[in-house]
PDB file of N, CA and C in Angstrom:
ATOM      1  N   UNK A   1     147.914 138.374 129.783  1.00  0.00           N
ATOM      2  CA  UNK A   1     148.569 137.246 130.400  1.00  0.00           C
ATOM      3  C   UNK A   1     149.902 137.002 129.707  1.00  0.00           C
ATOM      4  N   UNK A   2     150.909 136.731 130.475  1.00  0.00           N
ATOM      5  CA  UNK A   2     152.233 136.428 129.937  1.00  0.00           C
ATOM      6  C   UNK A   2     152.307 134.960 129.531  1.00  0.00           C
ATOM      7  N   UNK A   3     153.151 134.689 128.550  1.00  0.00           N
ATOM      8  CA  UNK A   3     153.348 133.320 128.090  1.00  0.00           C
ATOM      9  C   UNK A   3     153.808 132.418 129.230  1.00  0.00           C
ATOM     10  N   UNK A   4     154.649 132.929 130.098  1.00  0.00           N
ATOM     11  CA  UNK A   4     155.158 132.128 131.213  1.00  0.00           C
ATOM     12  C   UNK A   4     154.051 131.732 132.189  1.00  0.00           C
ATOM     13  N   UNK A   5     152.947 132.469 132.206  1.00  0.00           N
ATOM     14  CA  UNK A   5     151.833 132.164 133.110  1.00  0.00           C
ATOM     15  C   UNK A   5     150.969 131.013 132.608  1.00  0.00           C
ATOM     16  N   UNK A   6     151.071 130.648 131.332  1.00  0.00           N
ATOM     17  CA  UNK A   6     150.301 129.522 130.798  1.00  0.00           C
ATOM     18  C   UNK A   6     150.868 128.180 131.257  1.00  0.00           C
ATOM     19  N   UNK A   7     152.167 128.107 131.409  1.00  0.00           N
ATOM     20  CA  UNK A   7     152.816 126.860 131.809  1.00  0.00           C
ATOM     21  C   UNK A   7     152.355 126.392 133.169  1.00  0.00           C
ATOM     22  N   UNK A   8     152.161 125.089 133.301  1.00  0.00           N
ATOM     23  CA  UNK A   8     151.772 124.499 134.577  1.00  0.00           C
ATOM     24  C   UNK A   8     150.274 124.434 134.813  1.00  0.00           C
ATOM     25  N   UNK A   9     149.476 124.986 133.908  1.00  0.00           N
ATOM     26  CA  UNK A   9     148.026 124.940 134.077  1.00  0.00           C
ATOM     27  C   UNK A   9     147.496 123.594 133.598  1.00  0.00           C
ATOM     28  N   UNK A  10     146.529 123.068 134.325  1.00  0.00           N
ATOM     29  CA  UNK A  10     145.893 121.812 133.937  1.00  0.00           C
ATOM     30  C   UNK A  10     144.881 122.086 132.836  1.00  0.00           C
ATOM     31  N   UNK A  11     144.809 121.173 131.860  1.00  0.00           N
ATOM     32  CA  UNK A  11     143.882 121.318 130.746  1.00  0.00           C
ATOM     33  C   UNK A  11     142.719 120.366 130.973  1.00  0.00           C
ATOM     34  N   UNK A  12     141.487 120.906 130.929  1.00  0.00           N
ATOM     35  CA  UNK A  12     140.280 120.125 131.192  1.00  0.00           C
ATOM     36  C   UNK A  12     139.323 120.268 130.020  1.00  0.00           C
ATOM     37  N   UNK A  13     138.820 119.132 129.528  1.00  0.00           N
ATOM     38  CA  UNK A  13     137.815 119.116 128.461  1.00  0.00           C
ATOM     39  C   UNK A  13     136.440 119.152 129.121  1.00  0.00           C
ATOM     40  N   UNK A  14     135.680 120.210 128.869  1.00  0.00           N
ATOM     41  CA  UNK A  14     134.401 120.419 129.533  1.00  0.00           C
ATOM     42  C   UNK A  14     133.358 119.384 129.105  1.00  0.00           C
ATOM     43  N   UNK A  15     133.340 118.955 127.850  1.00  0.00           N
ATOM     44  CA  UNK A  15     132.342 117.981 127.393  1.00  0.00           C
ATOM     45  C   UNK A  15     132.608 116.582 127.941  1.00  0.00           C
ATOM     46  N   UNK A  16     133.856 116.176 127.967  1.00  0.00           N
ATOM     47  CA  UNK A  16     134.201 114.841 128.447  1.00  0.00           C
ATOM     48  C   UNK A  16     134.429 114.803 129.954  1.00  0.00           C
ATOM     49  N   UNK A  17     134.517 115.969 130.566  1.00  0.00           N
ATOM     50  CA  UNK A  17     134.809 116.076 131.995  1.00  0.00           C
ATOM     51  C   UNK A  17     136.078 115.292 132.336  1.00  0.00           C
ATOM     52  N   UNK A  18     137.124 115.495 131.501  1.00  0.00           N
ATOM     53  CA  UNK A  18     138.388 114.793 131.659  1.00  0.00           C
ATOM     54  C   UNK A  18     139.538 115.763 131.827  1.00  0.00           C
ATOM     55  N   UNK A  19     140.485 115.367 132.653  1.00  0.00           N
ATOM     56  CA  UNK A  19     141.750 116.082 132.743  1.00  0.00           C
ATOM     57  C   UNK A  19     142.626 115.575 131.610  1.00  0.00           C
ATOM     58  N   UNK A  20     143.144 116.479 130.790  1.00  0.00           N
ATOM     59  CA  UNK A  20     143.937 116.078 129.640  1.00  0.00           C
ATOM     60  C   UNK A  20     145.433 116.156 129.880  1.00  0.00           C
ATOM     61  N   UNK A  21     145.832 116.849 130.908  1.00  0.00           N
ATOM     62  CA  UNK A  21     147.252 116.976 131.191  1.00  0.00           C
ATOM     63  C   UNK A  21     147.593 118.375 131.645  1.00  0.00           C
ATOM     64  N   UNK A  22     148.871 118.605 131.817  1.00  0.00           N
ATOM     65  CA  UNK A  22     149.373 119.907 132.268  1.00  0.00           C
ATOM     66  C   UNK A  22     150.176 120.518 131.138  1.00  0.00           C
ATOM     67  N   UNK A  23     149.907 121.768 130.862  1.00  0.00           N
ATOM     68  CA  UNK A  23     150.602 122.461 129.782  1.00  0.00           C
ATOM     69  C   UNK A  23     152.003 122.837 130.235  1.00  0.00           C
ATOM     70  N   UNK A  24     152.995 122.467 129.423  1.00  0.00           N
ATOM     71  CA  UNK A  24     154.380 122.821 129.705  1.00  0.00           C
ATOM     72  C   UNK A  24     154.706 124.195 129.128  1.00  0.00           C
ATOM     73  N   UNK A  25     155.898 124.635 129.300  1.00  0.00           N
ATOM     74  CA  UNK A  25     156.312 125.959 128.845  1.00  0.00           C
ATOM     75  C   UNK A  25     156.399 126.070 127.323  1.00  0.00           C
ATOM     76  N   UNK A  26     156.664 124.978 126.619  1.00  0.00           N
ATOM     77  CA  UNK A  26     156.912 125.058 125.179  1.00  0.00           C
ATOM     78  C   UNK A  26     155.838 124.375 124.336  1.00  0.00           C
ATOM     79  N   UNK A  27     154.677 124.156 124.893  1.00  0.00           N
ATOM     80  CA  UNK A  27     153.637 123.405 124.214  1.00  0.00           C
ATOM     81  C   UNK A  27     152.651 124.308 123.475  1.00  0.00           C
ATOM     82  N   UNK A  28     153.168 125.243 122.703  1.00  0.00           N
ATOM     83  CA  UNK A  28     152.317 126.162 121.949  1.00  0.00           C
ATOM     84  C   UNK A  28     152.712 126.167 120.481  1.00  0.00           C
ATOM     85  N   UNK A  29     151.727 126.321 119.607  1.00  0.00           N
ATOM     86  CA  UNK A  29     151.983 126.527 118.184  1.00  0.00           C
ATOM     87  C   UNK A  29     151.703 128.000 117.899  1.00  0.00           C
ATOM     88  N   UNK A  30     152.714 128.716 117.452  1.00  0.00           N
ATOM     89  CA  UNK A  30     152.590 130.157 117.241  1.00  0.00           C
ATOM     90  C   UNK A  30     152.777 130.483 115.766  1.00  0.00           C
ATOM     91  N   UNK A  31     151.894 131.307 115.224  1.00  0.00           N
ATOM     92  CA  UNK A  31     152.000 131.764 113.844  1.00  0.00           C
ATOM     93  C   UNK A  31     153.172 132.735 113.775  1.00  0.00           C
ATOM     94  N   UNK A  32     154.166 132.401 112.988  1.00  0.00           N
ATOM     95  CA  UNK A  32     155.382 133.222 112.935  1.00  0.00           C
ATOM     96  C   UNK A  32     155.151 134.594 112.323  1.00  0.00           C
ATOM     97  N   UNK A  33     154.201 134.716 111.413  1.00  0.00           N
ATOM     98  CA  UNK A  33     153.991 136.010 110.761  1.00  0.00           C
ATOM     99  C   UNK A  33     153.151 136.965 111.611  1.00  0.00           C
ATOM    100  N   UNK A  34     152.192 136.424 112.407  1.00  0.00           N
ATOM    101  CA  UNK A  34     151.336 137.305 113.211  1.00  0.00           C
ATOM    102  C   UNK A  34     151.707 137.321 114.684  1.00  0.00           C
ATOM    103  N   UNK A  35     152.406 136.261 115.134  1.00  0.00           N
ATOM    104  CA  UNK A  35     152.753 136.165 116.546  1.00  0.00           C
ATOM    105  C   UNK A  35     151.618 135.655 117.417  1.00  0.00           C
ATOM    106  N   UNK A  36     150.506 135.270 116.810  1.00  0.00           N
ATOM    107  CA  UNK A  36     149.351 134.787 117.569  1.00  0.00           C
ATOM    108  C   UNK A  36     149.467 133.295 117.849  1.00  0.00           C
ATOM    109  N   UNK A  37     148.920 132.877 118.992  1.00  0.00           N
ATOM    110  CA  UNK A  37     148.893 131.460 119.334  1.00  0.00           C
ATOM    111  C   UNK A  37     147.839 130.787 118.474  1.00  0.00           C
ATOM    112  N   UNK A  38     148.243 129.719 117.769  1.00  0.00           N
ATOM    113  CA  UNK A  38     147.332 128.968 116.902  1.00  0.00           C
ATOM    114  C   UNK A  38     146.707 127.784 117.648  1.00  0.00           C
ATOM    115  N   UNK A  39     147.512 127.114 118.489  1.00  0.00           N
ATOM    116  CA  UNK A  39     147.017 125.907 119.149  1.00  0.00           C
ATOM    117  C   UNK A  39     147.878 125.563 120.354  1.00  0.00           C
ATOM    118  N   UNK A  40     147.304 124.756 121.243  1.00  0.00           N
ATOM    119  CA  UNK A  40     148.053 124.135 122.329  1.00  0.00           C
ATOM    120  C   UNK A  40     148.470 122.754 121.853  1.00  0.00           C
ATOM    121  N   UNK A  41     149.662 122.325 122.194  1.00  0.00           N
ATOM    122  CA  UNK A  41     150.148 121.001 121.840  1.00  0.00           C
ATOM    123  C   UNK A  41     150.295 120.206 123.134  1.00  0.00           C
ATOM    124  N   UNK A  42     149.546 119.079 123.218  1.00  0.00           N
ATOM    125  CA  UNK A  42     149.529 118.261 124.426  1.00  0.00           C
ATOM    126  C   UNK A  42     150.070 116.877 124.077  1.00  0.00           C
ATOM    127  N   UNK A  43     151.017 116.334 124.841  1.00  0.00           N
ATOM    128  CA  UNK A  43     151.493 114.969 124.581  1.00  0.00           C
ATOM    129  C   UNK A  43     150.332 113.988 124.653  1.00  0.00           C
ATOM    130  N   UNK A  44     150.210 113.113 123.648  1.00  0.00           N
ATOM    131  CA  UNK A  44     149.096 112.168 123.568  1.00  0.00           C
ATOM    132  C   UNK A  44     149.382 110.916 124.388  1.00  0.00           C
ATOM    133  N   UNK A  45     148.381 110.512 125.146  1.00  0.00           N
ATOM    134  CA  UNK A  45     148.456 109.257 125.880  1.00  0.00           C
ATOM    135  C   UNK A  45     147.341 108.340 125.402  1.00  0.00           C
ATOM    136  N   UNK A  46     146.099 108.710 125.682  1.00  0.00           N
ATOM    137  CA  UNK A  46     144.950 107.912 125.263  1.00  0.00           C
ATOM    138  C   UNK A  46     143.859 108.866 124.781  1.00  0.00           C
ATOM    139  N   UNK A  47     144.012 109.374 123.596  1.00  0.00           N
ATOM    140  CA  UNK A  47     143.099 110.391 123.092  1.00  0.00           C
ATOM    141  C   UNK A  47     142.138 109.779 122.092  1.00  0.00           C
ATOM    142  N   UNK A  48     140.860 109.948 122.333  1.00  0.00           N
ATOM    143  CA  UNK A  48     139.834 109.465 121.420  1.00  0.00           C
ATOM    144  C   UNK A  48     139.068 110.664 120.902  1.00  0.00           C
ATOM    145  N   UNK A  49     138.926 110.759 119.589  1.00  0.00           N
ATOM    146  CA  UNK A  49     138.170 111.853 118.997  1.00  0.00           C
ATOM    147  C   UNK A  49     138.980 113.108 118.749  1.00  0.00           C
ATOM    148  N   UNK A  50     140.241 113.143 119.139  1.00  0.00           N
ATOM    149  CA  UNK A  50     141.067 114.323 118.914  1.00  0.00           C
ATOM    150  C   UNK A  50     142.100 114.000 117.844  1.00  0.00           C
ATOM    151  N   UNK A  51     142.525 115.022 117.123  1.00  0.00           N
ATOM    152  CA  UNK A  51     143.515 114.820 116.064  1.00  0.00           C
ATOM    153  C   UNK A  51     144.897 114.608 116.662  1.00  0.00           C
ATOM    154  N   UNK A  52     145.481 113.486 116.347  1.00  0.00           N
ATOM    155  CA  UNK A  52     146.842 113.202 116.809  1.00  0.00           C
ATOM    156  C   UNK A  52     147.820 113.622 115.737  1.00  0.00           C
ATOM    157  N   UNK A  53     148.927 114.191 116.156  1.00  0.00           N
ATOM    158  CA  UNK A  53     149.985 114.565 115.222  1.00  0.00           C
ATOM    159  C   UNK A  53     151.311 114.163 115.831  1.00  0.00           C
ATOM    160  N   UNK A  54     151.772 112.975 115.485  1.00  0.00           N
ATOM    161  CA  UNK A  54     153.085 112.523 115.946  1.00  0.00           C
ATOM    162  C   UNK A  54     153.215 112.378 117.439  1.00  0.00           C
ATOM    163  N   UNK A  55     152.284 111.711 118.094  1.00  0.00           N
ATOM    164  CA  UNK A  55     152.396 111.484 119.524  1.00  0.00           C
ATOM    165  C   UNK A  55     151.957 112.653 120.367  1.00  0.00           C
ATOM    166  N   UNK A  56     151.233 113.580 119.770  1.00  0.00           N
ATOM    167  CA  UNK A  56     150.731 114.729 120.519  1.00  0.00           C
ATOM    168  C   UNK A  56     149.363 115.130 119.970  1.00  0.00           C
ATOM    169  N   UNK A  57     148.621 115.866 120.777  1.00  0.00           N
ATOM    170  CA  UNK A  57     147.300 116.328 120.387  1.00  0.00           C
ATOM    171  C   UNK A  57     147.359 117.831 120.183  1.00  0.00           C
ATOM    172  N   UNK A  58     146.818 118.282 119.062  1.00  0.00           N
ATOM    173  CA  UNK A  58     146.779 119.707 118.751  1.00  0.00           C
ATOM    174  C   UNK A  58     145.373 120.227 119.074  1.00  0.00           C
ATOM    175  N   UNK A  59     145.278 121.175 120.008  1.00  0.00           N
ATOM    176  CA  UNK A  59     144.002 121.781 120.377  1.00  0.00           C
ATOM    177  C   UNK A  59     143.976 123.209 119.827  1.00  0.00           C
ATOM    178  N   UNK A  60     143.176 123.460 118.785  1.00  0.00           N
ATOM    179  CA  UNK A  60     143.117 124.805 118.214  1.00  0.00           C
ATOM    180  C   UNK A  60     142.692 125.850 119.253  1.00  0.00           C
ATOM    181  N   UNK A  61     143.263 127.023 119.150  1.00  0.00           N
ATOM    182  CA  UNK A  61     143.016 128.102 120.104  1.00  0.00           C
ATOM    183  C   UNK A  61     141.534 128.449 120.196  1.00  0.00           C
ATOM    184  N   UNK A  62     140.787 128.304 119.101  1.00  0.00           N
ATOM    185  CA  UNK A  62     139.353 128.659 119.104  1.00  0.00           C
ATOM    186  C   UNK A  62     138.530 127.757 120.022  1.00  0.00           C
ATOM    187  N   UNK A  63     139.077 126.601 120.427  1.00  0.00           N
ATOM    188  CA  UNK A  63     138.356 125.685 121.306  1.00  0.00           C
ATOM    189  C   UNK A  63     138.627 125.955 122.781  1.00  0.00           C
ATOM    190  N   UNK A  64     139.488 126.915 123.070  1.00  0.00           N
ATOM    191  CA  UNK A  64     139.759 127.276 124.463  1.00  0.00           C
ATOM    192  C   UNK A  64     138.663 128.229 124.918  1.00  0.00           C
ATOM    193  N   UNK A  65     137.968 127.850 125.990  1.00  0.00           N
ATOM    194  CA  UNK A  65     136.843 128.648 126.471  1.00  0.00           C
ATOM    195  C   UNK A  65     137.213 129.563 127.627  1.00  0.00           C
ATOM    196  N   UNK A  66     138.120 129.120 128.485  1.00  0.00           N
ATOM    197  CA  UNK A  66     138.471 129.921 129.657  1.00  0.00           C
ATOM    198  C   UNK A  66     139.851 129.532 130.151  1.00  0.00           C
ATOM    199  N   UNK A  67     140.640 130.543 130.502  1.00  0.00           N
ATOM    200  CA  UNK A  67     141.936 130.310 131.132  1.00  0.00           C
ATOM    201  C   UNK A  67     141.845 130.905 132.531  1.00  0.00           C
ATOM    202  N   UNK A  68     141.905 130.025 133.522  1.00  0.00           N
ATOM    203  CA  UNK A  68     141.812 130.457 134.913  1.00  0.00           C
ATOM    204  C   UNK A  68     143.166 130.445 135.589  1.00  0.00           C
ATOM    205  N   UNK A  69     143.147 130.618 136.906  1.00  0.00           N
ATOM    206  CA  UNK A  69     144.389 130.635 137.682  1.00  0.00           C
ATOM    207  C   UNK A  69     145.099 129.292 137.665  1.00  0.00           C
ATOM    208  N   UNK A  70     144.326 128.184 137.661  1.00  0.00           N
ATOM    209  CA  UNK A  70     144.915 126.859 137.778  1.00  0.00           C
ATOM    210  C   UNK A  70     144.676 125.964 136.578  1.00  0.00           C
ATOM    211  N   UNK A  71     143.708 126.311 135.723  1.00  0.00           N
ATOM    212  CA  UNK A  71     143.401 125.414 134.618  1.00  0.00           C
ATOM    213  C   UNK A  71     142.934 126.147 133.378  1.00  0.00           C
ATOM    214  N   UNK A  72     142.961 125.406 132.282  1.00  0.00           N
ATOM    215  CA  UNK A  72     142.488 125.884 130.983  1.00  0.00           C
ATOM    216  C   UNK A  72     141.322 124.978 130.596  1.00  0.00           C
ATOM    217  N   UNK A  73     140.148 125.573 130.349  1.00  0.00           N
ATOM    218  CA  UNK A  73     138.963 124.815 129.974  1.00  0.00           C
ATOM    219  C   UNK A  73     138.845 124.835 128.458  1.00  0.00           C
ATOM    220  N   UNK A  74     138.733 123.634 127.856  1.00  0.00           N
ATOM    221  CA  UNK A  74     138.565 123.553 126.403  1.00  0.00           C
ATOM    222  C   UNK A  74     137.238 122.874 126.092  1.00  0.00           C
ATOM    223  N   UNK A  75     136.706 123.174 124.912  1.00  0.00           N
ATOM    224  CA  UNK A  75     135.450 122.590 124.445  1.00  0.00           C
ATOM    225  C   UNK A  75     135.631 122.223 122.978  1.00  0.00           C
ATOM    226  N   UNK A  76     135.882 120.942 122.737  1.00  0.00           N
ATOM    227  CA  UNK A  76     136.134 120.474 121.378  1.00  0.00           C
ATOM    228  C   UNK A  76     134.864 119.821 120.833  1.00  0.00           C
ATOM    229  N   UNK A  77     134.369 120.271 119.683  1.00  0.00           N
ATOM    230  CA  UNK A  77     133.160 119.665 119.108  1.00  0.00           C
ATOM    231  C   UNK A  77     133.357 118.178 118.850  1.00  0.00           C
ATOM    232  N   UNK A  78     132.275 117.436 118.945  1.00  0.00           N
ATOM    233  CA  UNK A  78     132.315 115.979 118.770  1.00  0.00           C
ATOM    234  C   UNK A  78     132.843 115.566 117.414  1.00  0.00           C
ATOM    235  N   UNK A  79     132.589 116.367 116.366  1.00  0.00           N
ATOM    236  CA  UNK A  79     132.966 115.982 115.013  1.00  0.00           C
ATOM    237  C   UNK A  79     134.416 116.273 114.677  1.00  0.00           C
ATOM    238  N   UNK A  80     135.202 116.797 115.599  1.00  0.00           N
ATOM    239  CA  UNK A  80     136.629 117.082 115.317  1.00  0.00           C
ATOM    240  C   UNK A  80     137.514 116.091 116.023  1.00  0.00           C
TER     241      UNK A  80
END
């Protein structure tokens, strides 16, 4: 999958059954030494139970369960 194909996909939390937002083109955290995606960065509106970092929510890549044609399914453990 190309990086440009990630943009515009809706992000859905499978446990909360909530739409979290739409991923923009630049909302990724990339490890500069390996080039791997570390996390998705989502602008924070009303986030409970997720780590906020300066008005945005960081979703680690390991919590992404499926990337489909229209959406990205995430599964974040309750304790994070």
